[in-house]
Structure formats: C-alpha cells, structure tokens
Amino acid sequence: MTIRLNETALRHARSLVRDGQVVRDERDAWSEDAPSADEENAFVEREGWTEYRHWHLGVDDDENDETKGAYSFPYGDFRRVHRCAVISLESRAGQYDHDDIRDAARALLELIDAEG
C-alpha cells in the first residue's frame, strides 16, 4: 500500500476555501460531520468516482480506482471543506508517516484560518 498526496484534491480543497465553502468547526466535530457510508455511496452514484476522488487528500494507486479503498484522508462533506476534517487528517497522516499529506493538510488549515 503506497498512499500518496492527491494533488488534484488539494487544488480542489484550496479552491473551495478561497470561495468560502468552509465549515470552521472544532477538532472533534468530524465524527459527527463526516459523511456516512450511505451518503458516500449516494455521492458516488450521483457524481462518479472522479468527483469522489476530489474529496480525499490520499490516494493509493495500488487499489482499484473505483473502490473506496483507493481513497483516504477526506477533508469535507462533498459540499464544503470542514476544518475539523483537516485537523483530523493532519494528525492521522502524521501518525502513519505520510509527511506530504500531513504538510499539505497543515498548509490547508493555515489557509482556512487566514481566510476566516
């Protein structure tokens, strides 16, 4: 398993932040705000795998790109970036030595806070 930074998703997240599509919530809110499996499935059905990919900072090229297992480190709810999601994924990326994802999340968090 080789998870790498999804640059396209990072650009998408930055664009959303600049457009004000952000929920400025606290660290622990992500467990409440994260899309459920049913919401994820409905999104994939409606929008497709390419759009689903845009909402995850981690991608595993060894996995089938039309499975959820290929994507990790979600940063939003398919409408907006959630500050709590970015905090959470920064921490998890650091725990698992995904330094490029951790650093991208840190920079995204700084952008969120600067835009607020």
PDB file of N, CA and C in Angstrom:
ATOM      1  N   MET A   1       0.835  -1.167   0.000  1.00  0.00           N
ATOM      2  CA  MET A   1       0.000   0.000   0.000  1.00  0.00           C
ATOM      3  C   MET A   1       0.887   1.240   0.000  1.00  0.00           C
ATOM      4  N   THR A   2       0.752   2.025  -1.041  1.00  0.00           N
ATOM      5  CA  THR A   2       1.508   3.258  -1.157  1.00  0.00           C
ATOM      6  C   THR A   2       0.529   4.415  -1.321  1.00  0.00           C
ATOM      7  N   ILE A   3       0.282   5.114  -0.250  1.00  0.00           N
ATOM      8  CA  ILE A   3      -0.633   6.247  -0.299  1.00  0.00           C
ATOM      9  C   ILE A   3       0.176   7.501  -0.584  1.00  0.00           C
ATOM     10  N   ARG A   4      -0.294   8.241  -1.584  1.00  0.00           N
ATOM     11  CA  ARG A   4       0.396   9.473  -1.957  1.00  0.00           C
ATOM     12  C   ARG A   4      -0.575  10.647  -1.893  1.00  0.00           C
ATOM     13  N   LEU A   5      -0.019  11.842  -1.895  1.00  0.00           N
ATOM     14  CA  LEU A   5      -0.818  13.058  -1.882  1.00  0.00           C
ATOM     15  C   LEU A   5      -1.567  13.183  -3.202  1.00  0.00           C
ATOM     16  N   ASN A   6      -2.847  13.418  -3.114  1.00  0.00           N
ATOM     17  CA  ASN A   6      -3.704  13.643  -4.271  1.00  0.00           C
ATOM     18  C   ASN A   6      -3.703  15.144  -4.562  1.00  0.00           C
ATOM     19  N   GLU A   7      -2.849  15.547  -5.473  1.00  0.00           N
ATOM     20  CA  GLU A   7      -2.672  16.970  -5.791  1.00  0.00           C
ATOM     21  C   GLU A   7      -3.955  17.599  -6.329  1.00  0.00           C
ATOM     22  N   THR A   8      -4.718  16.848  -7.103  1.00  0.00           N
ATOM     23  CA  THR A   8      -5.971  17.369  -7.646  1.00  0.00           C
ATOM     24  C   THR A   8      -6.944  17.688  -6.525  1.00  0.00           C
ATOM     25  N   ALA A   9      -7.035  16.812  -5.544  1.00  0.00           N
ATOM     26  CA  ALA A   9      -7.910  17.050  -4.399  1.00  0.00           C
ATOM     27  C   ALA A   9      -7.430  18.259  -3.596  1.00  0.00           C
ATOM     28  N   LEU A  10      -6.134  18.409  -3.461  1.00  0.00           N
ATOM     29  CA  LEU A  10      -5.596  19.553  -2.733  1.00  0.00           C
ATOM     30  C   LEU A  10      -5.966  20.860  -3.439  1.00  0.00           C
ATOM     31  N   ARG A  11      -5.843  20.893  -4.755  1.00  0.00           N
ATOM     32  CA  ARG A  11      -6.238  22.095  -5.510  1.00  0.00           C
ATOM     33  C   ARG A  11      -7.739  22.364  -5.335  1.00  0.00           C
ATOM     34  N   HIS A  12      -8.535  21.309  -5.371  1.00  0.00           N
ATOM     35  CA  HIS A  12      -9.981  21.444  -5.178  1.00  0.00           C
ATOM     36  C   HIS A  12     -10.279  22.027  -3.801  1.00  0.00           C
ATOM     37  N   ALA A  13      -9.628  21.507  -2.778  1.00  0.00           N
ATOM     38  CA  ALA A  13      -9.845  21.994  -1.412  1.00  0.00           C
ATOM     39  C   ALA A  13      -9.455  23.464  -1.292  1.00  0.00           C
ATOM     40  N   ARG A  14      -8.317  23.834  -1.843  1.00  0.00           N
ATOM     41  CA  ARG A  14      -7.884  25.240  -1.790  1.00  0.00           C
ATOM     42  C   ARG A  14      -8.897  26.147  -2.469  1.00  0.00           C
ATOM     43  N   SER A  15      -9.399  25.713  -3.607  1.00  0.00           N
ATOM     44  CA  SER A  15     -10.392  26.494  -4.340  1.00  0.00           C
ATOM     45  C   SER A  15     -11.662  26.680  -3.518  1.00  0.00           C
ATOM     46  N   LEU A  16     -12.112  25.612  -2.874  1.00  0.00           N
ATOM     47  CA  LEU A  16     -13.297  25.712  -2.026  1.00  0.00           C
ATOM     48  C   LEU A  16     -13.074  26.687  -0.874  1.00  0.00           C
ATOM     49  N   VAL A  17     -11.900  26.622  -0.267  1.00  0.00           N
ATOM     50  CA  VAL A  17     -11.595  27.536   0.846  1.00  0.00           C
ATOM     51  C   VAL A  17     -11.620  28.970   0.350  1.00  0.00           C
ATOM     52  N   ARG A  18     -10.985  29.226  -0.776  1.00  0.00           N
ATOM     53  CA  ARG A  18     -10.955  30.593  -1.322  1.00  0.00           C
ATOM     54  C   ARG A  18     -12.346  31.100  -1.685  1.00  0.00           C
ATOM     55  N   ASP A  19     -13.241  30.163  -2.051  1.00  0.00           N
ATOM     56  CA  ASP A  19     -14.622  30.521  -2.387  1.00  0.00           C
ATOM     57  C   ASP A  19     -15.534  30.597  -1.164  1.00  0.00           C
ATOM     58  N   GLY A  20     -14.956  30.382   0.018  1.00  0.00           N
ATOM     59  CA  GLY A  20     -15.725  30.479   1.245  1.00  0.00           C
ATOM     60  C   GLY A  20     -16.552  29.249   1.575  1.00  0.00           C
ATOM     61  N   GLN A  21     -16.292  28.150   0.903  1.00  0.00           N
ATOM     62  CA  GLN A  21     -17.037  26.904   1.145  1.00  0.00           C
ATOM     63  C   GLN A  21     -16.360  26.104   2.254  1.00  0.00           C
ATOM     64  N   VAL A  22     -16.425  26.644   3.478  1.00  0.00           N
ATOM     65  CA  VAL A  22     -15.719  26.080   4.630  1.00  0.00           C
ATOM     66  C   VAL A  22     -16.634  26.059   5.840  1.00  0.00           C
ATOM     67  N   VAL A  23     -16.552  25.000   6.607  1.00  0.00           N
ATOM     68  CA  VAL A  23     -17.179  24.940   7.921  1.00  0.00           C
ATOM     69  C   VAL A  23     -16.036  25.071   8.921  1.00  0.00           C
ATOM     70  N   ARG A  24     -16.052  26.135   9.681  1.00  0.00           N
ATOM     71  CA  ARG A  24     -14.983  26.394  10.652  1.00  0.00           C
ATOM     72  C   ARG A  24     -15.391  25.823  12.009  1.00  0.00           C
ATOM     73  N   ASP A  25     -15.231  24.534  12.118  1.00  0.00           N
ATOM     74  CA  ASP A  25     -15.644  23.828  13.314  1.00  0.00           C
ATOM     75  C   ASP A  25     -14.428  23.379  14.117  1.00  0.00           C
ATOM     76  N   GLU A  26     -14.709  22.758  15.230  1.00  0.00           N
ATOM     77  CA  GLU A  26     -13.640  22.365  16.141  1.00  0.00           C
ATOM     78  C   GLU A  26     -13.154  20.944  15.866  1.00  0.00           C
ATOM     79  N   ARG A  27     -12.036  20.602  16.441  1.00  0.00           N
ATOM     80  CA  ARG A  27     -11.326  19.348  16.204  1.00  0.00           C
ATOM     81  C   ARG A  27     -12.227  18.115  16.250  1.00  0.00           C
ATOM     82  N   ASP A  28     -13.006  17.958  17.265  1.00  0.00           N
ATOM     83  CA  ASP A  28     -13.746  16.718  17.471  1.00  0.00           C
ATOM     84  C   ASP A  28     -15.054  16.628  16.693  1.00  0.00           C
ATOM     85  N   ALA A  29     -15.400  17.634  15.928  1.00  0.00           N
ATOM     86  CA  ALA A  29     -16.682  17.646  15.229  1.00  0.00           C
ATOM     87  C   ALA A  29     -16.721  16.702  14.026  1.00  0.00           C
ATOM     88  N   TRP A  30     -15.582  16.264  13.530  1.00  0.00           N
ATOM     89  CA  TRP A  30     -15.575  15.450  12.312  1.00  0.00           C
ATOM     90  C   TRP A  30     -16.321  14.131  12.478  1.00  0.00           C
ATOM     91  N   SER A  31     -16.279  13.540  13.646  1.00  0.00           N
ATOM     92  CA  SER A  31     -17.003  12.280  13.840  1.00  0.00           C
ATOM     93  C   SER A  31     -18.504  12.494  13.628  1.00  0.00           C
ATOM     94  N   GLU A  32     -18.997  13.669  13.892  1.00  0.00           N
ATOM     95  CA  GLU A  32     -20.413  13.998  13.672  1.00  0.00           C
ATOM     96  C   GLU A  32     -20.669  14.458  12.239  1.00  0.00           C
ATOM     97  N   ASP A  33     -19.715  15.160  11.653  1.00  0.00           N
ATOM     98  CA  ASP A  33     -19.909  15.806  10.351  1.00  0.00           C
ATOM     99  C   ASP A  33     -19.540  14.939   9.145  1.00  0.00           C
ATOM    100  N   ALA A  34     -18.739  13.919   9.363  1.00  0.00           N
ATOM    101  CA  ALA A  34     -18.265  13.084   8.247  1.00  0.00           C
ATOM    102  C   ALA A  34     -19.444  12.409   7.547  1.00  0.00           C
ATOM    103  N   PRO A  35     -19.394  12.320   6.228  1.00  0.00           N
ATOM    104  CA  PRO A  35     -20.466  11.623   5.508  1.00  0.00           C
ATOM    105  C   PRO A  35     -20.541  10.151   5.929  1.00  0.00           C
ATOM    106  N   SER A  36     -21.750   9.637   6.025  1.00  0.00           N
ATOM    107  CA  SER A  36     -21.945   8.220   6.340  1.00  0.00           C
ATOM    108  C   SER A  36     -21.623   7.387   5.102  1.00  0.00           C
ATOM    109  N   ALA A  37     -21.516   6.089   5.281  1.00  0.00           N
ATOM    110  CA  ALA A  37     -21.283   5.196   4.139  1.00  0.00           C
ATOM    111  C   ALA A  37     -22.396   5.345   3.111  1.00  0.00           C
ATOM    112  N   ASP A  38     -23.628   5.472   3.558  1.00  0.00           N
ATOM    113  CA  ASP A  38     -24.746   5.652   2.626  1.00  0.00           C
ATOM    114  C   ASP A  38     -24.630   6.963   1.858  1.00  0.00           C
ATOM    115  N   GLU A  39     -24.213   8.021   2.536  1.00  0.00           N
ATOM    116  CA  GLU A  39     -24.029   9.312   1.861  1.00  0.00           C
ATOM    117  C   GLU A  39     -22.889   9.232   0.849  1.00  0.00           C
ATOM    118  N   GLU A  40     -21.815   8.533   1.215  1.00  0.00           N
ATOM    119  CA  GLU A  40     -20.717   8.338   0.266  1.00  0.00           C
ATOM    120  C   GLU A  40     -21.195   7.568  -0.957  1.00  0.00           C
ATOM    121  N   ASN A  41     -21.939   6.488  -0.732  1.00  0.00           N
ATOM    122  CA  ASN A  41     -22.440   5.676  -1.846  1.00  0.00           C
ATOM    123  C   ASN A  41     -23.356   6.485  -2.757  1.00  0.00           C
ATOM    124  N   ALA A  42     -24.225   7.284  -2.169  1.00  0.00           N
ATOM    125  CA  ALA A  42     -25.127   8.119  -2.956  1.00  0.00           C
ATOM    126  C   ALA A  42     -24.341   9.140  -3.772  1.00  0.00           C
ATOM    127  N   PHE A  43     -23.292   9.705  -3.179  1.00  0.00           N
ATOM    128  CA  PHE A  43     -22.461  10.669  -3.898  1.00  0.00           C
ATOM    129  C   PHE A  43     -21.785  10.005  -5.095  1.00  0.00           C
ATOM    130  N   VAL A  44     -21.206   8.831  -4.894  1.00  0.00           N
ATOM    131  CA  VAL A  44     -20.549   8.113  -5.992  1.00  0.00           C
ATOM    132  C   VAL A  44     -21.556   7.792  -7.087  1.00  0.00           C
ATOM    133  N   GLU A  45     -22.725   7.348  -6.700  1.00  0.00           N
ATOM    134  CA  GLU A  45     -23.782   7.014  -7.671  1.00  0.00           C
ATOM    135  C   GLU A  45     -24.165   8.239  -8.504  1.00  0.00           C
ATOM    136  N   ARG A  46     -24.279   9.367  -7.843  1.00  0.00           N
ATOM    137  CA  ARG A  46     -24.714  10.611  -8.488  1.00  0.00           C
ATOM    138  C   ARG A  46     -23.597  11.286  -9.282  1.00  0.00           C
ATOM    139  N   GLU A  47     -22.387  11.348  -8.696  1.00  0.00           N
ATOM    140  CA  GLU A  47     -21.309  12.160  -9.258  1.00  0.00           C
ATOM    141  C   GLU A  47     -20.182  11.352  -9.895  1.00  0.00           C
ATOM    142  N   GLY A  48     -20.008  10.104  -9.485  1.00  0.00           N
ATOM    143  CA  GLY A  48     -18.960   9.261 -10.039  1.00  0.00           C
ATOM    144  C   GLY A  48     -17.693   9.249  -9.207  1.00  0.00           C
ATOM    145  N   TRP A  49     -16.809   8.326  -9.583  1.00  0.00           N
ATOM    146  CA  TRP A  49     -15.565   8.119  -8.830  1.00  0.00           C
ATOM    147  C   TRP A  49     -14.589   9.277  -8.953  1.00  0.00           C
ATOM    148  N   THR A  50     -14.563   9.944 -10.096  1.00  0.00           N
ATOM    149  CA  THR A  50     -13.633  11.067 -10.253  1.00  0.00           C
ATOM    150  C   THR A  50     -13.942  12.162  -9.251  1.00  0.00           C
ATOM    151  N   GLU A  51     -15.221  12.476  -9.099  1.00  0.00           N
ATOM    152  CA  GLU A  51     -15.607  13.502  -8.123  1.00  0.00           C
ATOM    153  C   GLU A  51     -15.340  13.034  -6.698  1.00  0.00           C
ATOM    154  N   TYR A  52     -15.595  11.775  -6.421  1.00  0.00           N
ATOM    155  CA  TYR A  52     -15.313  11.223  -5.090  1.00  0.00           C
ATOM    156  C   TYR A  52     -13.824  11.388  -4.773  1.00  0.00           C
ATOM    157  N   ARG A  53     -12.986  11.106  -5.747  1.00  0.00           N
ATOM    158  CA  ARG A  53     -11.534  11.220  -5.587  1.00  0.00           C
ATOM    159  C   ARG A  53     -11.119  12.635  -5.193  1.00  0.00           C
ATOM    160  N   HIS A  54     -11.851  13.634  -5.689  1.00  0.00           N
ATOM    161  CA  HIS A  54     -11.507  15.033  -5.411  1.00  0.00           C
ATOM    162  C   HIS A  54     -11.681  15.428  -3.953  1.00  0.00           C
ATOM    163  N   TRP A  55     -12.316  14.578  -3.149  1.00  0.00           N
ATOM    164  CA  TRP A  55     -12.593  14.898  -1.751  1.00  0.00           C
ATOM    165  C   TRP A  55     -11.682  14.164  -0.783  1.00  0.00           C
ATOM    166  N   HIS A  56     -10.569  13.598  -1.295  1.00  0.00           N
ATOM    167  CA  HIS A  56      -9.644  12.837  -0.451  1.00  0.00           C
ATOM    168  C   HIS A  56      -8.207  13.224  -0.764  1.00  0.00           C
ATOM    169  N   LEU A  57      -7.454  13.605   0.261  1.00  0.00           N
ATOM    170  CA  LEU A  57      -6.061  14.008   0.035  1.00  0.00           C
ATOM    171  C   LEU A  57      -5.120  12.830  -0.152  1.00  0.00           C
ATOM    172  N   GLY A  58      -5.568  11.630   0.155  1.00  0.00           N
ATOM    173  CA  GLY A  58      -4.739  10.440  -0.030  1.00  0.00           C
ATOM    174  C   GLY A  58      -5.314   9.550  -1.112  1.00  0.00           C
ATOM    175  N   VAL A  59      -4.427   9.010  -1.942  1.00  0.00           N
ATOM    176  CA  VAL A  59      -4.838   8.061  -2.971  1.00  0.00           C
ATOM    177  C   VAL A  59      -3.822   6.929  -3.012  1.00  0.00           C
ATOM    178  N   ASP A  60      -4.329   5.717  -3.138  1.00  0.00           N
ATOM    179  CA  ASP A  60      -3.482   4.528  -3.215  1.00  0.00           C
ATOM    180  C   ASP A  60      -3.586   3.969  -4.626  1.00  0.00           C
ATOM    181  N   ASP A  61      -2.550   4.171  -5.413  1.00  0.00           N
ATOM    182  CA  ASP A  61      -2.563   3.747  -6.812  1.00  0.00           C
ATOM    183  C   ASP A  61      -2.530   2.234  -6.974  1.00  0.00           C
ATOM    184  N   ASP A  62      -2.244   1.502  -5.897  1.00  0.00           N
ATOM    185  CA  ASP A  62      -2.256   0.038  -5.959  1.00  0.00           C
ATOM    186  C   ASP A  62      -3.673  -0.522  -5.862  1.00  0.00           C
ATOM    187  N   GLU A  63      -4.623   0.305  -5.461  1.00  0.00           N
ATOM    188  CA  GLU A  63      -6.016  -0.114  -5.318  1.00  0.00           C
ATOM    189  C   GLU A  63      -6.802   0.217  -6.588  1.00  0.00           C
ATOM    190  N   ASN A  64      -7.894  -0.468  -6.782  1.00  0.00           N
ATOM    191  CA  ASN A  64      -8.810  -0.179  -7.882  1.00  0.00           C
ATOM    192  C   ASN A  64      -9.374   1.223  -7.664  1.00  0.00           C
ATOM    193  N   ASP A  65      -9.265   2.082  -8.672  1.00  0.00           N
ATOM    194  CA  ASP A  65      -9.690   3.472  -8.500  1.00  0.00           C
ATOM    195  C   ASP A  65     -11.207   3.641  -8.477  1.00  0.00           C
ATOM    196  N   GLU A  66     -11.932   2.548  -8.608  1.00  0.00           N
ATOM    197  CA  GLU A  66     -13.385   2.605  -8.473  1.00  0.00           C
ATOM    198  C   GLU A  66     -13.846   1.846  -7.223  1.00  0.00           C
ATOM    199  N   THR A  67     -13.033   1.986  -6.168  1.00  0.00           N
ATOM    200  CA  THR A  67     -13.386   1.465  -4.850  1.00  0.00           C
ATOM    201  C   THR A  67     -13.008   2.504  -3.801  1.00  0.00           C
ATOM    202  N   LYS A  68     -13.722   2.498  -2.715  1.00  0.00           N
ATOM    203  CA  LYS A  68     -13.416   3.435  -1.633  1.00  0.00           C
ATOM    204  C   LYS A  68     -12.040   3.176  -1.037  1.00  0.00           C
ATOM    205  N   GLY A  69     -11.559   1.940  -1.142  1.00  0.00           N
ATOM    206  CA  GLY A  69     -10.256   1.599  -0.590  1.00  0.00           C
ATOM    207  C   GLY A  69      -9.095   2.332  -1.221  1.00  0.00           C
ATOM    208  N   ALA A  70      -9.326   2.934  -2.374  1.00  0.00           N
ATOM    209  CA  ALA A  70      -8.263   3.677  -3.047  1.00  0.00           C
ATOM    210  C   ALA A  70      -8.072   5.076  -2.468  1.00  0.00           C
ATOM    211  N   TYR A  71      -9.017   5.526  -1.655  1.00  0.00           N
ATOM    212  CA  TYR A  71      -9.007   6.916  -1.207  1.00  0.00           C
ATOM    213  C   TYR A  71      -9.002   7.019   0.311  1.00  0.00           C
ATOM    214  N   SER A  72      -8.243   7.969   0.807  1.00  0.00           N
ATOM    215  CA  SER A  72      -8.141   8.176   2.247  1.00  0.00           C
ATOM    216  C   SER A  72      -7.959   9.662   2.531  1.00  0.00           C
ATOM    217  N   PHE A  73      -8.059  10.009   3.771  1.00  0.00           N
ATOM    218  CA  PHE A  73      -7.879  11.372   4.248  1.00  0.00           C
ATOM    219  C   PHE A  73      -8.897  12.347   3.640  1.00  0.00           C
ATOM    220  N   PRO A  74     -10.193  12.108   3.914  1.00  0.00           N
ATOM    221  CA  PRO A  74     -11.225  13.027   3.439  1.00  0.00           C
ATOM    222  C   PRO A  74     -11.144  14.365   4.171  1.00  0.00           C
ATOM    223  N   TYR A  75     -11.509  15.424   3.476  1.00  0.00           N
ATOM    224  CA  TYR A  75     -11.427  16.760   4.071  1.00  0.00           C
ATOM    225  C   TYR A  75     -12.770  17.496   4.089  1.00  0.00           C
ATOM    226  N   GLY A  76     -13.833  16.863   3.619  1.00  0.00           N
ATOM    227  CA  GLY A  76     -15.110  17.573   3.607  1.00  0.00           C
ATOM    228  C   GLY A  76     -16.296  16.665   3.414  1.00  0.00           C
ATOM    229  N   ASP A  77     -17.451  17.298   3.254  1.00  0.00           N
ATOM    230  CA  ASP A  77     -18.725  16.586   3.195  1.00  0.00           C
ATOM    231  C   ASP A  77     -19.337  16.562   1.791  1.00  0.00           C
ATOM    232  N   PHE A  78     -18.523  16.735   0.777  1.00  0.00           N
ATOM    233  CA  PHE A  78     -18.926  16.759  -0.635  1.00  0.00           C
ATOM    234  C   PHE A  78     -19.586  18.074  -1.028  1.00  0.00           C
ATOM    235  N   ARG A  79     -19.597  19.033  -0.115  1.00  0.00           N
ATOM    236  CA  ARG A  79     -20.067  20.386  -0.417  1.00  0.00           C
ATOM    237  C   ARG A  79     -19.066  21.430   0.062  1.00  0.00           C
ATOM    238  N   ARG A  80     -18.536  21.184   1.265  1.00  0.00           N
ATOM    239  CA  ARG A  80     -17.654  22.158   1.894  1.00  0.00           C
ATOM    240  C   ARG A  80     -16.478  21.468   2.565  1.00  0.00           C
ATOM    241  N   VAL A  81     -15.412  22.218   2.721  1.00  0.00           N
ATOM    242  CA  VAL A  81     -14.250  21.766   3.489  1.00  0.00           C
ATOM    243  C   VAL A  81     -14.607  21.940   4.965  1.00  0.00           C
ATOM    244  N   HIS A  82     -14.291  20.953   5.766  1.00  0.00           N
ATOM    245  CA  HIS A  82     -14.509  21.050   7.209  1.00  0.00           C
ATOM    246  C   HIS A  82     -13.158  21.193   7.901  1.00  0.00           C
ATOM    247  N   ARG A  83     -13.027  22.244   8.663  1.00  0.00           N
ATOM    248  CA  ARG A  83     -11.788  22.483   9.405  1.00  0.00           C
ATOM    249  C   ARG A  83     -11.453  21.283  10.287  1.00  0.00           C
ATOM    250  N   CYS A  84     -12.473  20.715  10.930  1.00  0.00           N
ATOM    251  CA  CYS A  84     -12.239  19.567  11.812  1.00  0.00           C
ATOM    252  C   CYS A  84     -11.696  18.367  11.036  1.00  0.00           C
ATOM    253  N   ALA A  85     -12.129  18.184   9.797  1.00  0.00           N
ATOM    254  CA  ALA A  85     -11.626  17.073   8.975  1.00  0.00           C
ATOM    255  C   ALA A  85     -10.151  17.278   8.652  1.00  0.00           C
ATOM    256  N   VAL A  86      -9.790  18.512   8.344  1.00  0.00           N
ATOM    257  CA  VAL A  86      -8.394  18.814   8.018  1.00  0.00           C
ATOM    258  C   VAL A  86      -7.501  18.600   9.236  1.00  0.00           C
ATOM    259  N   ILE A  87      -7.972  19.009  10.408  1.00  0.00           N
ATOM    260  CA  ILE A  87      -7.213  18.772  11.645  1.00  0.00           C
ATOM    261  C   ILE A  87      -7.041  17.273  11.864  1.00  0.00           C
ATOM    262  N   SER A  88      -8.110  16.540  11.713  1.00  0.00           N
ATOM    263  CA  SER A  88      -8.074  15.093  11.917  1.00  0.00           C
ATOM    264  C   SER A  88      -7.132  14.405  10.935  1.00  0.00           C
ATOM    265  N   LEU A  89      -7.238  14.766   9.673  1.00  0.00           N
ATOM    266  CA  LEU A  89      -6.390  14.077   8.688  1.00  0.00           C
ATOM    267  C   LEU A  89      -4.934  14.473   8.838  1.00  0.00           C
ATOM    268  N   GLU A  90      -4.658  15.698   9.263  1.00  0.00           N
ATOM    269  CA  GLU A  90      -3.267  16.091   9.509  1.00  0.00           C
ATOM    270  C   GLU A  90      -2.664  15.202  10.596  1.00  0.00           C
ATOM    271  N   SER A  91      -3.415  14.989  11.650  1.00  0.00           N
ATOM    272  CA  SER A  91      -2.940  14.159  12.755  1.00  0.00           C
ATOM    273  C   SER A  91      -2.725  12.713  12.305  1.00  0.00           C
ATOM    274  N   ARG A  92      -3.704  12.136  11.611  1.00  0.00           N
ATOM    275  CA  ARG A  92      -3.593  10.743  11.162  1.00  0.00           C
ATOM    276  C   ARG A  92      -2.466  10.568  10.146  1.00  0.00           C
ATOM    277  N   ALA A  93      -2.312  11.527   9.254  1.00  0.00           N
ATOM    278  CA  ALA A  93      -1.230  11.430   8.263  1.00  0.00           C
ATOM    279  C   ALA A  93       0.121  11.439   8.962  1.00  0.00           C
ATOM    280  N   GLY A  94       0.258  12.271   9.986  1.00  0.00           N
ATOM    281  CA  GLY A  94       1.496  12.306  10.751  1.00  0.00           C
ATOM    282  C   GLY A  94       1.758  11.004  11.488  1.00  0.00           C
ATOM    283  N   GLN A  95       0.714  10.415  12.046  1.00  0.00           N
ATOM    284  CA  GLN A  95       0.853   9.145  12.767  1.00  0.00           C
ATOM    285  C   GLN A  95       1.379   8.033  11.869  1.00  0.00           C
ATOM    286  N   TYR A  96       0.968   8.049  10.611  1.00  0.00           N
ATOM    287  CA  TYR A  96       1.320   6.968   9.688  1.00  0.00           C
ATOM    288  C   TYR A  96       2.419   7.361   8.704  1.00  0.00           C
ATOM    289  N   ASP A  97       3.142   8.420   9.043  1.00  0.00           N
ATOM    290  CA  ASP A  97       4.321   8.857   8.274  1.00  0.00           C
ATOM    291  C   ASP A  97       4.011   9.232   6.824  1.00  0.00           C
ATOM    292  N   HIS A  98       2.844   9.795   6.595  1.00  0.00           N
ATOM    293  CA  HIS A  98       2.512  10.352   5.283  1.00  0.00           C
ATOM    294  C   HIS A  98       2.806  11.848   5.357  1.00  0.00           C
ATOM    295  N   ASP A  99       4.105  12.170   5.353  1.00  0.00           N
ATOM    296  CA  ASP A  99       4.536  13.531   5.615  1.00  0.00           C
ATOM    297  C   ASP A  99       4.024  14.531   4.584  1.00  0.00           C
ATOM    298  N   ASP A 100       3.949  14.131   3.314  1.00  0.00           N
ATOM    299  CA  ASP A 100       3.473  15.063   2.291  1.00  0.00           C
ATOM    300  C   ASP A 100       1.999  15.399   2.510  1.00  0.00           C
ATOM    301  N   ILE A 101       1.211  14.430   2.911  1.00  0.00           N
ATOM    302  CA  ILE A 101      -0.204  14.678   3.192  1.00  0.00           C
ATOM    303  C   ILE A 101      -0.352  15.507   4.458  1.00  0.00           C
ATOM    304  N   ARG A 102       0.419  15.178   5.475  1.00  0.00           N
ATOM    305  CA  ARG A 102       0.398  15.955   6.726  1.00  0.00           C
ATOM    306  C   ARG A 102       0.734  17.414   6.451  1.00  0.00           C
ATOM    307  N   ASP A 103       1.788  17.650   5.675  1.00  0.00           N
ATOM    308  CA  ASP A 103       2.209  19.018   5.382  1.00  0.00           C
ATOM    309  C   ASP A 103       1.184  19.764   4.542  1.00  0.00           C
ATOM    310  N   ALA A 104       0.562  19.067   3.594  1.00  0.00           N
ATOM    311  CA  ALA A 104      -0.478  19.684   2.774  1.00  0.00           C
ATOM    312  C   ALA A 104      -1.680  20.058   3.641  1.00  0.00           C
ATOM    313  N   ALA A 105      -2.039  19.186   4.574  1.00  0.00           N
ATOM    314  CA  ALA A 105      -3.152  19.467   5.477  1.00  0.00           C
ATOM    315  C   ALA A 105      -2.831  20.663   6.367  1.00  0.00           C
ATOM    316  N   ARG A 106      -1.613  20.732   6.846  1.00  0.00           N
ATOM    317  CA  ARG A 106      -1.205  21.867   7.689  1.00  0.00           C
ATOM    318  C   ARG A 106      -1.326  23.176   6.909  1.00  0.00           C
ATOM    319  N   ALA A 107      -0.863  23.169   5.665  1.00  0.00           N
ATOM    320  CA  ALA A 107      -0.951  24.370   4.830  1.00  0.00           C
ATOM    321  C   ALA A 107      -2.416  24.718   4.531  1.00  0.00           C
ATOM    322  N   LEU A 108      -3.246  23.711   4.318  1.00  0.00           N
ATOM    323  CA  LEU A 108      -4.660  23.936   4.071  1.00  0.00           C
ATOM    324  C   LEU A 108      -5.329  24.529   5.312  1.00  0.00           C
ATOM    325  N   LEU A 109      -4.973  24.027   6.476  1.00  0.00           N
ATOM    326  CA  LEU A 109      -5.505  24.564   7.722  1.00  0.00           C
ATOM    327  C   LEU A 109      -5.101  26.033   7.903  1.00  0.00           C
ATOM    328  N   GLU A 110      -3.876  26.353   7.566  1.00  0.00           N
ATOM    329  CA  GLU A 110      -3.417  27.743   7.643  1.00  0.00           C
ATOM    330  C   GLU A 110      -4.223  28.638   6.693  1.00  0.00           C
ATOM    331  N   LEU A 111      -4.512  28.119   5.494  1.00  0.00           N
ATOM    332  CA  LEU A 111      -5.327  28.869   4.540  1.00  0.00           C
ATOM    333  C   LEU A 111      -6.734  29.078   5.086  1.00  0.00           C
ATOM    334  N   ILE A 112      -7.319  28.039   5.657  1.00  0.00           N
ATOM    335  CA  ILE A 112      -8.657  28.155   6.250  1.00  0.00           C
ATOM    336  C   ILE A 112      -8.658  29.229   7.321  1.00  0.00           C
ATOM    337  N   ASP A 113      -7.679  29.206   8.199  1.00  0.00           N
ATOM    338  CA  ASP A 113      -7.626  30.170   9.303  1.00  0.00           C
ATOM    339  C   ASP A 113      -7.346  31.588   8.811  1.00  0.00           C
ATOM    340  N   ALA A 114      -6.555  31.716   7.756  1.00  0.00           N
ATOM    341  CA  ALA A 114      -6.250  33.028   7.197  1.00  0.00           C
ATOM    342  C   ALA A 114      -7.463  33.628   6.488  1.00  0.00           C
ATOM    343  N   GLU A 115      -8.231  32.776   5.841  1.00  0.00           N
ATOM    344  CA  GLU A 115      -9.412  33.240   5.098  1.00  0.00           C
ATOM    345  C   GLU A 115     -10.579  33.579   6.012  1.00  0.00           C
ATOM    346  N   GLY A 116     -10.518  33.067   7.248  1.00  0.00           N
ATOM    347  CA  GLY A 116     -11.640  33.242   8.188  1.00  0.00           C
ATOM    348  C   GLY A 116     -11.697  34.607   8.734  1.00  0.00           C
TER     349      GLY A 116
END
